């Protein structure tokens, strides 16, 4: 049985040290966006996230990361941004990056992933209302953050969970204002026990650096209508060794 989704989190520097992790894997549109990035760190994270997304897709399809073509097209302005899709493949993909750490996910159903660093919170971060977060947090979520002994981490865990749902549903953060997650535990759930939110499964990312918090959301697969294979379930979390193995299978020697 295949898993519901494939997820990987890696440090940008270590990922870009792998063979094939260079701009040649990008499309022309991606290379233009890479060149326009404002800093070397931003360029590195941009490249690493898209390379990791291709590895996650290749892991599911059995193909090569170099053959994975990622496309982004904004439905509003038609610009090369917005929800990514995989050309010519029945595979959904999402990626995220935050100051030297990148995450990616691939699934047979719509998926969204987000990672953030605690150290990246601006001054006042974790204090709902001071940074505009009151526009996407419910009253229950605001009260939980304010009443927590660790408001920064509770705020950020709520943030990444909602961002993952935003990327999954394409509703935008304002659309999350009526989605209340205050009933979820503030600590990360085990990857085999996702939170069920209607037709969505929300996983906390556990295998991440100490100051990183992340989440991934995926549309739950429909049960089979009759006799046949069971629907995919669970999350496959790829380690750096798994990524190296994937490259070796594809002929990219570490």
C-alpha atoms as a PDB file:
ATOM      1  CA  UNK A   1       0.000   0.000   0.000  1.00  0.00           C
ATOM      2  CA  UNK A   2       1.323   3.463  -0.823  1.00  0.00           C
ATOM      3  CA  UNK A   3       1.344   6.195   1.804  1.00  0.00           C
ATOM      4  CA  UNK A   4      -1.040   9.134   1.710  1.00  0.00           C
ATOM      5  CA  UNK A   5       1.856  11.534   1.381  1.00  0.00           C
ATOM      6  CA  UNK A   6       5.631  11.770   1.167  1.00  0.00           C
ATOM      7  CA  UNK A   7       7.377  14.460   3.211  1.00  0.00           C
ATOM      8  CA  UNK A   8      10.979  15.613   3.588  1.00  0.00           C
ATOM      9  CA  UNK A   9      12.629  18.334   5.669  1.00  0.00           C
ATOM     10  CA  UNK A  10      16.285  19.230   5.219  1.00  0.00           C
ATOM     11  CA  UNK A  11      18.788  21.956   5.927  1.00  0.00           C
ATOM     12  CA  UNK A  12      19.452  23.962   2.779  1.00  0.00           C
ATOM     13  CA  UNK A  13      23.236  23.701   2.997  1.00  0.00           C
ATOM     14  CA  UNK A  14      23.263  19.912   3.313  1.00  0.00           C
ATOM     15  CA  UNK A  15      20.681  19.466   0.561  1.00  0.00           C
ATOM     16  CA  UNK A  16      22.531  21.651  -1.931  1.00  0.00           C
ATOM     17  CA  UNK A  17      25.672  19.571  -1.322  1.00  0.00           C
ATOM     18  CA  UNK A  18      23.956  16.591  -2.984  1.00  0.00           C
ATOM     19  CA  UNK A  19      24.654  15.774  -6.642  1.00  0.00           C
ATOM     20  CA  UNK A  20      22.291  17.392  -9.120  1.00  0.00           C
ATOM     21  CA  UNK A  21      21.194  20.112  -6.700  1.00  0.00           C
ATOM     22  CA  UNK A  22      21.816  23.026  -9.008  1.00  0.00           C
ATOM     23  CA  UNK A  23      19.840  25.448 -11.144  1.00  0.00           C
ATOM     24  CA  UNK A  24      19.857  23.062 -14.105  1.00  0.00           C
ATOM     25  CA  UNK A  25      16.878  21.220 -12.544  1.00  0.00           C
ATOM     26  CA  UNK A  26      14.753  24.378 -12.679  1.00  0.00           C
ATOM     27  CA  UNK A  27      12.481  25.566 -15.453  1.00  0.00           C
ATOM     28  CA  UNK A  28      13.223  28.831 -17.258  1.00  0.00           C
ATOM     29  CA  UNK A  29      10.542  30.594 -15.187  1.00  0.00           C
ATOM     30  CA  UNK A  30      12.059  29.281 -11.960  1.00  0.00           C
ATOM     31  CA  UNK A  31      15.534  30.382 -12.998  1.00  0.00           C
ATOM     32  CA  UNK A  32      14.248  33.909 -13.614  1.00  0.00           C
ATOM     33  CA  UNK A  33      12.732  33.995 -10.140  1.00  0.00           C
ATOM     34  CA  UNK A  34      15.942  32.576  -8.684  1.00  0.00           C
ATOM     35  CA  UNK A  35      17.990  35.353 -10.307  1.00  0.00           C
ATOM     36  CA  UNK A  36      15.612  37.976  -8.899  1.00  0.00           C
ATOM     37  CA  UNK A  37      15.952  36.774  -5.282  1.00  0.00           C
ATOM     38  CA  UNK A  38      17.229  39.515  -2.994  1.00  0.00           C
ATOM     39  CA  UNK A  39      19.977  37.616  -1.158  1.00  0.00           C
ATOM     40  CA  UNK A  40      22.235  34.594  -1.432  1.00  0.00           C
ATOM     41  CA  UNK A  41      20.308  32.922   1.403  1.00  0.00           C
ATOM     42  CA  UNK A  42      17.008  33.493  -0.392  1.00  0.00           C
ATOM     43  CA  UNK A  43      18.450  32.058  -3.625  1.00  0.00           C
ATOM     44  CA  UNK A  44      19.770  28.991  -1.812  1.00  0.00           C
ATOM     45  CA  UNK A  45      16.451  28.316  -0.058  1.00  0.00           C
ATOM     46  CA  UNK A  46      14.507  28.858  -3.304  1.00  0.00           C
ATOM     47  CA  UNK A  47      16.647  26.311  -5.154  1.00  0.00           C
ATOM     48  CA  UNK A  48      16.766  23.792  -2.308  1.00  0.00           C
ATOM     49  CA  UNK A  49      12.985  23.792  -1.798  1.00  0.00           C
ATOM     50  CA  UNK A  50      12.283  23.113  -5.462  1.00  0.00           C
ATOM     51  CA  UNK A  51      14.963  20.441  -5.664  1.00  0.00           C
ATOM     52  CA  UNK A  52      13.507  18.741  -2.583  1.00  0.00           C
ATOM     53  CA  UNK A  53       9.989  18.904  -4.043  1.00  0.00           C
ATOM     54  CA  UNK A  54      11.245  17.156  -7.176  1.00  0.00           C
ATOM     55  CA  UNK A  55      12.867  14.436  -5.062  1.00  0.00           C
ATOM     56  CA  UNK A  56       9.601  13.835  -3.196  1.00  0.00           C
ATOM     57  CA  UNK A  57       7.686  13.533  -6.469  1.00  0.00           C
ATOM     58  CA  UNK A  58      10.334  11.225  -7.954  1.00  0.00           C
ATOM     59  CA  UNK A  59      10.190   9.056  -4.843  1.00  0.00           C
ATOM     60  CA  UNK A  60       6.473   8.476  -5.455  1.00  0.00           C
ATOM     61  CA  UNK A  61       6.544   8.130  -9.236  1.00  0.00           C
ATOM     62  CA  UNK A  62       9.776   6.150  -9.553  1.00  0.00           C
ATOM     63  CA  UNK A  63      11.098   8.625 -12.106  1.00  0.00           C
ATOM     64  CA  UNK A  64      13.993  11.056 -12.027  1.00  0.00           C
ATOM     65  CA  UNK A  65      13.974  14.360 -10.182  1.00  0.00           C
ATOM     66  CA  UNK A  66      15.334  16.001 -13.348  1.00  0.00           C
ATOM     67  CA  UNK A  67      12.242  14.898 -15.257  1.00  0.00           C
ATOM     68  CA  UNK A  68       9.873  16.551 -12.760  1.00  0.00           C
ATOM     69  CA  UNK A  69       8.576  19.854 -14.138  1.00  0.00           C
ATOM     70  CA  UNK A  70       7.064  22.195 -11.560  1.00  0.00           C
ATOM     71  CA  UNK A  71       4.733  24.954 -12.706  1.00  0.00           C
ATOM     72  CA  UNK A  72       3.216  27.897 -10.847  1.00  0.00           C
ATOM     73  CA  UNK A  73       0.593  30.226 -12.264  1.00  0.00           C
ATOM     74  CA  UNK A  74      -1.379  32.734 -10.230  1.00  0.00           C
ATOM     75  CA  UNK A  75      -5.130  32.478 -11.013  1.00  0.00           C
ATOM     76  CA  UNK A  76      -5.486  36.235 -10.404  1.00  0.00           C
ATOM     77  CA  UNK A  77      -2.546  37.868 -12.206  1.00  0.00           C
ATOM     78  CA  UNK A  78      -1.250  34.875 -14.213  1.00  0.00           C
ATOM     79  CA  UNK A  79       2.212  35.442 -12.702  1.00  0.00           C
ATOM     80  CA  UNK A  80       4.674  32.577 -12.074  1.00  0.00           C
ATOM     81  CA  UNK A  81       3.684  32.079  -8.451  1.00  0.00           C
ATOM     82  CA  UNK A  82       0.889  30.501  -6.461  1.00  0.00           C
ATOM     83  CA  UNK A  83       0.120  26.843  -5.849  1.00  0.00           C
ATOM     84  CA  UNK A  84       2.702  24.611  -7.579  1.00  0.00           C
ATOM     85  CA  UNK A  85       1.671  21.709  -9.794  1.00  0.00           C
ATOM     86  CA  UNK A  86       3.522  18.864 -11.455  1.00  0.00           C
ATOM     87  CA  UNK A  87       3.277  18.848 -15.223  1.00  0.00           C
ATOM     88  CA  UNK A  88       2.083  15.568 -16.786  1.00  0.00           C
ATOM     89  CA  UNK A  89       1.855  13.701 -13.487  1.00  0.00           C
ATOM     90  CA  UNK A  90      -1.025  12.723 -11.212  1.00  0.00           C
ATOM     91  CA  UNK A  91       0.843  13.949  -8.177  1.00  0.00           C
ATOM     92  CA  UNK A  92       0.225  17.032  -6.019  1.00  0.00           C
ATOM     93  CA  UNK A  93       3.172  18.896  -4.498  1.00  0.00           C
ATOM     94  CA  UNK A  94       3.903  21.643  -1.989  1.00  0.00           C
ATOM     95  CA  UNK A  95       7.052  23.186  -0.531  1.00  0.00           C
ATOM     96  CA  UNK A  96       8.167  25.746   2.031  1.00  0.00           C
ATOM     97  CA  UNK A  97      11.387  27.291   3.289  1.00  0.00           C
ATOM     98  CA  UNK A  98      12.526  29.398   6.235  1.00  0.00           C
ATOM     99  CA  UNK A  99      16.043  30.743   6.652  1.00  0.00           C
ATOM    100  CA  UNK A 100      18.155  27.703   5.895  1.00  0.00           C
ATOM    101  CA  UNK A 101      15.597  24.917   6.274  1.00  0.00           C
ATOM    102  CA  UNK A 102      13.320  23.604   3.508  1.00  0.00           C
ATOM    103  CA  UNK A 103      10.375  21.229   3.426  1.00  0.00           C
ATOM    104  CA  UNK A 104       8.445  19.544   0.635  1.00  0.00           C
ATOM    105  CA  UNK A 105       5.571  17.120   0.272  1.00  0.00           C
ATOM    106  CA  UNK A 106       4.021  15.086  -2.523  1.00  0.00           C
ATOM    107  CA  UNK A 107       0.750  13.170  -2.575  1.00  0.00           C
ATOM    108  CA  UNK A 108      -1.923  11.739  -4.838  1.00  0.00           C
ATOM    109  CA  UNK A 109      -4.351  14.331  -3.455  1.00  0.00           C
ATOM    110  CA  UNK A 110      -4.052  18.108  -2.824  1.00  0.00           C
ATOM    111  CA  UNK A 111      -1.419  18.880  -0.196  1.00  0.00           C
ATOM    112  CA  UNK A 112       0.065  21.879   1.622  1.00  0.00           C
ATOM    113  CA  UNK A 113       3.169  22.194   3.806  1.00  0.00           C
ATOM    114  CA  UNK A 114       4.689  24.981   5.885  1.00  0.00           C
ATOM    115  CA  UNK A 115       7.796  25.373   8.075  1.00  0.00           C
ATOM    116  CA  UNK A 116       8.919  28.356  10.130  1.00  0.00           C
ATOM    117  CA  UNK A 117      11.753  29.139  12.531  1.00  0.00           C
ATOM    118  CA  UNK A 118      11.048  30.424  16.023  1.00  0.00           C
ATOM    119  CA  UNK A 119      14.052  32.701  15.622  1.00  0.00           C
ATOM    120  CA  UNK A 120      12.382  34.205  12.557  1.00  0.00           C
ATOM    121  CA  UNK A 121       9.447  35.637  14.514  1.00  0.00           C
ATOM    122  CA  UNK A 122       9.542  39.458  14.458  1.00  0.00           C
ATOM    123  CA  UNK A 123       9.485  41.527  17.628  1.00  0.00           C
ATOM    124  CA  UNK A 124       6.094  41.016  19.220  1.00  0.00           C
ATOM    125  CA  UNK A 125       5.597  37.731  17.354  1.00  0.00           C
ATOM    126  CA  UNK A 126       3.454  35.424  19.434  1.00  0.00           C
ATOM    127  CA  UNK A 127       1.351  38.317  20.705  1.00  0.00           C
ATOM    128  CA  UNK A 128      -1.900  38.046  18.690  1.00  0.00           C
ATOM    129  CA  UNK A 129      -3.311  41.382  17.592  1.00  0.00           C
ATOM    130  CA  UNK A 130      -0.005  43.257  17.522  1.00  0.00           C
ATOM    131  CA  UNK A 131       1.139  41.841  14.191  1.00  0.00           C
ATOM    132  CA  UNK A 132      -2.152  41.557  12.335  1.00  0.00           C
ATOM    133  CA  UNK A 133      -2.563  37.895  13.281  1.00  0.00           C
ATOM    134  CA  UNK A 134      -5.995  38.654  14.719  1.00  0.00           C
ATOM    135  CA  UNK A 135      -7.260  38.622  11.145  1.00  0.00           C
ATOM    136  CA  UNK A 136      -6.721  34.864  10.818  1.00  0.00           C
ATOM    137  CA  UNK A 137      -6.846  33.596  14.415  1.00  0.00           C
ATOM    138  CA  UNK A 138     -10.119  32.783  16.134  1.00  0.00           C
ATOM    139  CA  UNK A 139     -10.912  34.099  19.609  1.00  0.00           C
ATOM    140  CA  UNK A 140     -10.242  30.625  21.034  1.00  0.00           C
ATOM    141  CA  UNK A 141      -6.834  30.486  19.373  1.00  0.00           C
ATOM    142  CA  UNK A 142      -5.910  33.979  20.589  1.00  0.00           C
ATOM    143  CA  UNK A 143      -6.901  33.095  24.164  1.00  0.00           C
ATOM    144  CA  UNK A 144      -4.880  29.885  24.012  1.00  0.00           C
ATOM    145  CA  UNK A 145      -1.748  31.688  22.810  1.00  0.00           C
ATOM    146  CA  UNK A 146      -2.071  34.459  25.399  1.00  0.00           C
ATOM    147  CA  UNK A 147      -2.641  31.961  28.203  1.00  0.00           C
ATOM    148  CA  UNK A 148       0.261  29.708  27.285  1.00  0.00           C
ATOM    149  CA  UNK A 149       3.590  29.680  29.174  1.00  0.00           C
ATOM    150  CA  UNK A 150       5.224  29.384  25.719  1.00  0.00           C
ATOM    151  CA  UNK A 151       3.188  31.810  23.593  1.00  0.00           C
ATOM    152  CA  UNK A 152       5.751  32.087  20.781  1.00  0.00           C
ATOM    153  CA  UNK A 153       5.835  28.357  20.066  1.00  0.00           C
ATOM    154  CA  UNK A 154       2.055  27.964  20.468  1.00  0.00           C
ATOM    155  CA  UNK A 155       1.473  30.905  18.126  1.00  0.00           C
ATOM    156  CA  UNK A 156       3.886  29.519  15.542  1.00  0.00           C
ATOM    157  CA  UNK A 157       2.398  26.015  15.696  1.00  0.00           C
ATOM    158  CA  UNK A 158      -1.039  27.501  15.066  1.00  0.00           C
ATOM    159  CA  UNK A 159       0.422  29.580  12.228  1.00  0.00           C
ATOM    160  CA  UNK A 160       2.047  26.668  10.375  1.00  0.00           C
ATOM    161  CA  UNK A 161      -1.017  24.495  10.777  1.00  0.00           C
ATOM    162  CA  UNK A 162      -3.175  27.205   9.218  1.00  0.00           C
ATOM    163  CA  UNK A 163      -0.613  27.934   6.495  1.00  0.00           C
ATOM    164  CA  UNK A 164      -0.577  24.243   5.571  1.00  0.00           C
ATOM    165  CA  UNK A 165      -4.372  24.347   5.270  1.00  0.00           C
ATOM    166  CA  UNK A 166      -4.146  27.570   3.232  1.00  0.00           C
ATOM    167  CA  UNK A 167      -1.804  25.917   0.743  1.00  0.00           C
ATOM    168  CA  UNK A 168      -4.031  22.848   0.617  1.00  0.00           C
ATOM    169  CA  UNK A 169      -7.298  24.694   0.073  1.00  0.00           C
ATOM    170  CA  UNK A 170      -6.019  27.873  -1.660  1.00  0.00           C
ATOM    171  CA  UNK A 171      -8.429  29.868   0.512  1.00  0.00           C
ATOM    172  CA  UNK A 172      -5.905  32.445   1.727  1.00  0.00           C
ATOM    173  CA  UNK A 173      -5.196  33.342   5.359  1.00  0.00           C
ATOM    174  CA  UNK A 174      -8.324  35.522   5.691  1.00  0.00           C
ATOM    175  CA  UNK A 175     -10.308  32.395   4.835  1.00  0.00           C
ATOM    176  CA  UNK A 176      -8.843  30.715   7.908  1.00  0.00           C
ATOM    177  CA  UNK A 177     -10.418  33.230  10.287  1.00  0.00           C
ATOM    178  CA  UNK A 178     -13.384  30.904  10.870  1.00  0.00           C
ATOM    179  CA  UNK A 179     -11.328  27.696  11.109  1.00  0.00           C
ATOM    180  CA  UNK A 180     -10.735  27.110  14.812  1.00  0.00           C
ATOM    181  CA  UNK A 181      -7.799  24.898  15.803  1.00  0.00           C
ATOM    182  CA  UNK A 182      -7.793  25.744  19.510  1.00  0.00           C
ATOM    183  CA  UNK A 183      -8.944  22.212  20.347  1.00  0.00           C
ATOM    184  CA  UNK A 184      -5.741  20.698  18.937  1.00  0.00           C
ATOM    185  CA  UNK A 185      -2.865  19.939  21.332  1.00  0.00           C
ATOM    186  CA  UNK A 186      -0.068  22.491  21.426  1.00  0.00           C
ATOM    187  CA  UNK A 187       2.564  19.756  21.196  1.00  0.00           C
ATOM    188  CA  UNK A 188       3.268  17.920  17.916  1.00  0.00           C
ATOM    189  CA  UNK A 189       1.183  14.836  17.304  1.00  0.00           C
ATOM    190  CA  UNK A 190       2.808  11.559  16.286  1.00  0.00           C
ATOM    191  CA  UNK A 191       3.012  11.230  12.520  1.00  0.00           C
ATOM    192  CA  UNK A 192       0.810   8.112  12.630  1.00  0.00           C
ATOM    193  CA  UNK A 193      -1.951  10.052  14.396  1.00  0.00           C
ATOM    194  CA  UNK A 194      -2.874  13.054  12.256  1.00  0.00           C
ATOM    195  CA  UNK A 195      -5.561  15.511  13.244  1.00  0.00           C
ATOM    196  CA  UNK A 196      -8.763  14.927  11.262  1.00  0.00           C
ATOM    197  CA  UNK A 197     -10.465  18.144  10.120  1.00  0.00           C
ATOM    198  CA  UNK A 198     -13.432  17.202   7.974  1.00  0.00           C
ATOM    199  CA  UNK A 199     -12.004  15.863   4.707  1.00  0.00           C
ATOM    200  CA  UNK A 200      -8.484  16.989   5.596  1.00  0.00           C
ATOM    201  CA  UNK A 201      -5.692  15.319   7.535  1.00  0.00           C
ATOM    202  CA  UNK A 202      -3.282  17.618   9.372  1.00  0.00           C
ATOM    203  CA  UNK A 203       0.117  16.252  10.362  1.00  0.00           C
ATOM    204  CA  UNK A 204       2.666  17.952  12.620  1.00  0.00           C
ATOM    205  CA  UNK A 205       6.274  17.672  11.439  1.00  0.00           C
ATOM    206  CA  UNK A 206       8.331  16.066  14.196  1.00  0.00           C
ATOM    207  CA  UNK A 207      11.662  15.316  12.524  1.00  0.00           C
ATOM    208  CA  UNK A 208      12.792  18.933  12.224  1.00  0.00           C
ATOM    209  CA  UNK A 209      15.610  21.064  13.711  1.00  0.00           C
ATOM    210  CA  UNK A 210      15.069  22.177  17.304  1.00  0.00           C
ATOM    211  CA  UNK A 211      13.937  25.736  16.497  1.00  0.00           C
ATOM    212  CA  UNK A 212      11.731  24.760  13.551  1.00  0.00           C
ATOM    213  CA  UNK A 213       7.981  24.109  13.646  1.00  0.00           C
ATOM    214  CA  UNK A 214       6.070  22.697  10.692  1.00  0.00           C
ATOM    215  CA  UNK A 215       2.869  21.072   9.527  1.00  0.00           C
ATOM    216  CA  UNK A 216       1.495  19.408   6.417  1.00  0.00           C
ATOM    217  CA  UNK A 217      -2.138  19.007   5.379  1.00  0.00           C
ATOM    218  CA  UNK A 218      -3.558  16.647   2.778  1.00  0.00           C
ATOM    219  CA  UNK A 219      -6.999  15.817   1.455  1.00  0.00           C
ATOM    220  CA  UNK A 220      -8.050  12.480   2.893  1.00  0.00           C
ATOM    221  CA  UNK A 221      -8.465   9.807   0.209  1.00  0.00           C
ATOM    222  CA  UNK A 222     -11.960   8.533  -0.438  1.00  0.00           C
ATOM    223  CA  UNK A 223     -12.588   4.929   0.612  1.00  0.00           C
ATOM    224  CA  UNK A 224     -12.984   2.483  -2.279  1.00  0.00           C
ATOM    225  CA  UNK A 225     -16.566   2.211  -3.557  1.00  0.00           C
ATOM    226  CA  UNK A 226     -16.346  -1.563  -3.793  1.00  0.00           C
ATOM    227  CA  UNK A 227     -13.843  -4.409  -3.826  1.00  0.00           C
ATOM    228  CA  UNK A 228     -10.355  -3.209  -4.649  1.00  0.00           C
ATOM    229  CA  UNK A 229      -7.149  -1.918  -3.104  1.00  0.00           C
ATOM    230  CA  UNK A 230      -7.435   0.116   0.078  1.00  0.00           C
ATOM    231  CA  UNK A 231      -6.845   3.841  -0.067  1.00  0.00           C
ATOM    232  CA  UNK A 232      -3.377   5.126   0.702  1.00  0.00           C
ATOM    233  CA  UNK A 233      -2.760   6.062   4.318  1.00  0.00           C
ATOM    234  CA  UNK A 234      -0.038   7.407   6.559  1.00  0.00           C
ATOM    235  CA  UNK A 235       2.946   9.679   6.030  1.00  0.00           C
ATOM    236  CA  UNK A 236       6.355   8.653   4.709  1.00  0.00           C
ATOM    237  CA  UNK A 237       9.036  10.921   6.147  1.00  0.00           C
ATOM    238  CA  UNK A 238      12.241  10.897   4.103  1.00  0.00           C
ATOM    239  CA  UNK A 239      15.636  11.290   5.764  1.00  0.00           C
ATOM    240  CA  UNK A 240      18.734  12.673   4.070  1.00  0.00           C
ATOM    241  CA  UNK A 241      19.913   9.086   3.550  1.00  0.00           C
ATOM    242  CA  UNK A 242      16.626   8.301   1.796  1.00  0.00           C
ATOM    243  CA  UNK A 243      17.191  11.271  -0.514  1.00  0.00           C
ATOM    244  CA  UNK A 244      20.724  10.089  -1.273  1.00  0.00           C
ATOM    245  CA  UNK A 245      19.360   6.608  -2.050  1.00  0.00           C
ATOM    246  CA  UNK A 246      16.809   8.162  -4.407  1.00  0.00           C
ATOM    247  CA  UNK A 247      19.575  10.013  -6.249  1.00  0.00           C
ATOM    248  CA  UNK A 248      21.678   6.842  -6.449  1.00  0.00           C
ATOM    249  CA  UNK A 249      18.795   4.949  -8.023  1.00  0.00           C
ATOM    250  CA  UNK A 250      18.465   7.774 -10.557  1.00  0.00           C
ATOM    251  CA  UNK A 251      22.150   7.563 -11.450  1.00  0.00           C
ATOM    252  CA  UNK A 252      23.288  10.611  -9.470  1.00  0.00           C
ATOM    253  CA  UNK A 253      26.179   9.321  -7.389  1.00  0.00           C
ATOM    254  CA  UNK A 254      26.800  11.078  -4.048  1.00  0.00           C
END
